């Protein structure tokens, strides 16, 4: 009887963790709906490496994960550069303004 109670308790704990953690994992990279069409266009023309960095490896200087608004702001900054120089500009912004996850 005691084994059964422990097993159900463990199962409940796993379910609670799955329900609470799953949405945060899925939302970490889903910013496309929040970006303007210009920001989405700029994002789609970045190199695959820079897109990966933008969606999963960025942290702000204070160590917090980059929000969708922060990422949109980066796209707005890149709009000021000619399209052929945006990848280099993005790398410069990351190197000088941000902390990347390692």
C-alpha atoms as a PDB file:
ATOM      1  CA  UNK A   1       0.000   0.000   0.000  1.00  0.00           C
ATOM      2  CA  UNK A   2       2.765   2.412   0.864  1.00  0.00           C
ATOM      3  CA  UNK A   3       4.552   1.695  -2.446  1.00  0.00           C
ATOM      4  CA  UNK A   4       1.374   2.489  -4.378  1.00  0.00           C
ATOM      5  CA  UNK A   5       0.931   5.822  -2.606  1.00  0.00           C
ATOM      6  CA  UNK A   6       4.530   6.832  -3.312  1.00  0.00           C
ATOM      7  CA  UNK A   7       4.169   5.840  -6.956  1.00  0.00           C
ATOM      8  CA  UNK A   8       1.033   7.977  -7.367  1.00  0.00           C
ATOM      9  CA  UNK A   9       2.689  10.878  -5.608  1.00  0.00           C
ATOM     10  CA  UNK A  10       5.678  10.664  -7.929  1.00  0.00           C
ATOM     11  CA  UNK A  11       3.407  10.453 -10.946  1.00  0.00           C
ATOM     12  CA  UNK A  12       1.505  13.551  -9.804  1.00  0.00           C
ATOM     13  CA  UNK A  13       4.749  15.461  -9.265  1.00  0.00           C
ATOM     14  CA  UNK A  14       5.948  14.590 -12.777  1.00  0.00           C
ATOM     15  CA  UNK A  15       2.636  15.682 -14.271  1.00  0.00           C
ATOM     16  CA  UNK A  16       2.731  18.993 -12.419  1.00  0.00           C
ATOM     17  CA  UNK A  17       6.267  19.656 -13.649  1.00  0.00           C
ATOM     18  CA  UNK A  18       5.339  18.744 -17.209  1.00  0.00           C
ATOM     19  CA  UNK A  19       2.330  21.044 -17.224  1.00  0.00           C
ATOM     20  CA  UNK A  20       4.188  23.988 -15.709  1.00  0.00           C
ATOM     21  CA  UNK A  21       7.444  23.661 -17.671  1.00  0.00           C
ATOM     22  CA  UNK A  22       6.191  22.724 -21.138  1.00  0.00           C
ATOM     23  CA  UNK A  23       4.683  26.120 -22.051  1.00  0.00           C
ATOM     24  CA  UNK A  24       7.842  28.013 -21.118  1.00  0.00           C
ATOM     25  CA  UNK A  25       9.991  25.755 -23.285  1.00  0.00           C
ATOM     26  CA  UNK A  26       7.709  26.151 -26.281  1.00  0.00           C
ATOM     27  CA  UNK A  27       7.436  29.938 -25.979  1.00  0.00           C
ATOM     28  CA  UNK A  28      11.153  30.597 -25.737  1.00  0.00           C
ATOM     29  CA  UNK A  29      11.615  30.876 -29.490  1.00  0.00           C
ATOM     30  CA  UNK A  30       8.149  31.813 -30.716  1.00  0.00           C
ATOM     31  CA  UNK A  31       8.495  35.518 -31.459  1.00  0.00           C
ATOM     32  CA  UNK A  32       7.535  35.516 -35.126  1.00  0.00           C
ATOM     33  CA  UNK A  33       3.936  36.455 -34.357  1.00  0.00           C
ATOM     34  CA  UNK A  34       5.062  39.507 -32.422  1.00  0.00           C
ATOM     35  CA  UNK A  35       7.466  40.856 -35.039  1.00  0.00           C
ATOM     36  CA  UNK A  36       6.339  43.384 -37.632  1.00  0.00           C
ATOM     37  CA  UNK A  37       6.551  42.422 -41.298  1.00  0.00           C
ATOM     38  CA  UNK A  38       9.734  44.505 -41.687  1.00  0.00           C
ATOM     39  CA  UNK A  39      11.320  42.797 -38.665  1.00  0.00           C
ATOM     40  CA  UNK A  40      10.332  39.359 -40.024  1.00  0.00           C
ATOM     41  CA  UNK A  41      11.847  40.224 -43.400  1.00  0.00           C
ATOM     42  CA  UNK A  42      15.117  41.305 -41.797  1.00  0.00           C
ATOM     43  CA  UNK A  43      15.174  38.141 -39.674  1.00  0.00           C
ATOM     44  CA  UNK A  44      14.567  35.902 -42.691  1.00  0.00           C
ATOM     45  CA  UNK A  45      17.533  37.418 -44.538  1.00  0.00           C
ATOM     46  CA  UNK A  46      20.022  36.875 -41.704  1.00  0.00           C
ATOM     47  CA  UNK A  47      22.405  33.935 -41.987  1.00  0.00           C
ATOM     48  CA  UNK A  48      21.338  30.654 -40.391  1.00  0.00           C
ATOM     49  CA  UNK A  49      24.005  31.085 -37.710  1.00  0.00           C
ATOM     50  CA  UNK A  50      22.737  34.541 -36.786  1.00  0.00           C
ATOM     51  CA  UNK A  51      19.130  33.334 -36.739  1.00  0.00           C
ATOM     52  CA  UNK A  52      20.134  30.562 -34.338  1.00  0.00           C
ATOM     53  CA  UNK A  53      21.961  33.061 -32.139  1.00  0.00           C
ATOM     54  CA  UNK A  54      18.968  35.393 -32.135  1.00  0.00           C
ATOM     55  CA  UNK A  55      16.412  32.735 -31.273  1.00  0.00           C
ATOM     56  CA  UNK A  56      18.271  30.718 -28.686  1.00  0.00           C
ATOM     57  CA  UNK A  57      21.595  32.029 -27.507  1.00  0.00           C
ATOM     58  CA  UNK A  58      21.028  35.645 -26.514  1.00  0.00           C
ATOM     59  CA  UNK A  59      20.991  37.075 -23.046  1.00  0.00           C
ATOM     60  CA  UNK A  60      20.956  40.732 -22.126  1.00  0.00           C
ATOM     61  CA  UNK A  61      23.856  42.275 -20.287  1.00  0.00           C
ATOM     62  CA  UNK A  62      22.222  41.655 -16.938  1.00  0.00           C
ATOM     63  CA  UNK A  63      21.969  37.940 -17.748  1.00  0.00           C
ATOM     64  CA  UNK A  64      18.249  37.769 -18.495  1.00  0.00           C
ATOM     65  CA  UNK A  65      17.007  35.912 -21.583  1.00  0.00           C
ATOM     66  CA  UNK A  66      16.274  38.162 -24.542  1.00  0.00           C
ATOM     67  CA  UNK A  67      12.556  38.945 -24.812  1.00  0.00           C
ATOM     68  CA  UNK A  68      10.633  39.159 -28.067  1.00  0.00           C
ATOM     69  CA  UNK A  69      10.546  42.951 -27.720  1.00  0.00           C
ATOM     70  CA  UNK A  70      14.327  42.993 -27.317  1.00  0.00           C
ATOM     71  CA  UNK A  71      14.764  40.845 -30.435  1.00  0.00           C
ATOM     72  CA  UNK A  72      12.380  43.115 -32.353  1.00  0.00           C
ATOM     73  CA  UNK A  73      14.458  46.086 -31.259  1.00  0.00           C
ATOM     74  CA  UNK A  74      17.556  44.429 -32.677  1.00  0.00           C
ATOM     75  CA  UNK A  75      15.741  43.960 -35.997  1.00  0.00           C
ATOM     76  CA  UNK A  76      14.797  47.658 -35.931  1.00  0.00           C
ATOM     77  CA  UNK A  77      18.465  48.580 -35.420  1.00  0.00           C
ATOM     78  CA  UNK A  78      19.484  46.333 -38.311  1.00  0.00           C
ATOM     79  CA  UNK A  79      16.984  48.115 -40.575  1.00  0.00           C
ATOM     80  CA  UNK A  80      19.389  51.077 -40.569  1.00  0.00           C
ATOM     81  CA  UNK A  81      22.080  49.003 -42.299  1.00  0.00           C
ATOM     82  CA  UNK A  82      22.147  48.004 -45.970  1.00  0.00           C
ATOM     83  CA  UNK A  83      20.915  44.408 -46.436  1.00  0.00           C
ATOM     84  CA  UNK A  84      24.356  43.098 -47.372  1.00  0.00           C
ATOM     85  CA  UNK A  85      25.879  44.443 -44.132  1.00  0.00           C
ATOM     86  CA  UNK A  86      23.186  43.283 -41.677  1.00  0.00           C
ATOM     87  CA  UNK A  87      24.910  40.019 -40.754  1.00  0.00           C
ATOM     88  CA  UNK A  88      28.104  41.862 -39.855  1.00  0.00           C
ATOM     89  CA  UNK A  89      26.126  44.527 -37.998  1.00  0.00           C
ATOM     90  CA  UNK A  90      24.283  41.829 -36.038  1.00  0.00           C
ATOM     91  CA  UNK A  91      27.583  40.219 -35.002  1.00  0.00           C
ATOM     92  CA  UNK A  92      28.888  43.618 -33.894  1.00  0.00           C
ATOM     93  CA  UNK A  93      25.756  44.275 -31.826  1.00  0.00           C
ATOM     94  CA  UNK A  94      25.980  40.856 -30.178  1.00  0.00           C
ATOM     95  CA  UNK A  95      29.686  41.224 -29.403  1.00  0.00           C
ATOM     96  CA  UNK A  96      29.377  44.712 -27.950  1.00  0.00           C
ATOM     97  CA  UNK A  97      25.922  44.823 -26.370  1.00  0.00           C
ATOM     98  CA  UNK A  98      24.903  41.333 -25.353  1.00  0.00           C
ATOM     99  CA  UNK A  99      25.980  38.266 -23.474  1.00  0.00           C
ATOM    100  CA  UNK A 100      25.579  35.007 -25.373  1.00  0.00           C
ATOM    101  CA  UNK A 101      24.777  31.731 -23.651  1.00  0.00           C
ATOM    102  CA  UNK A 102      27.598  29.230 -23.850  1.00  0.00           C
END
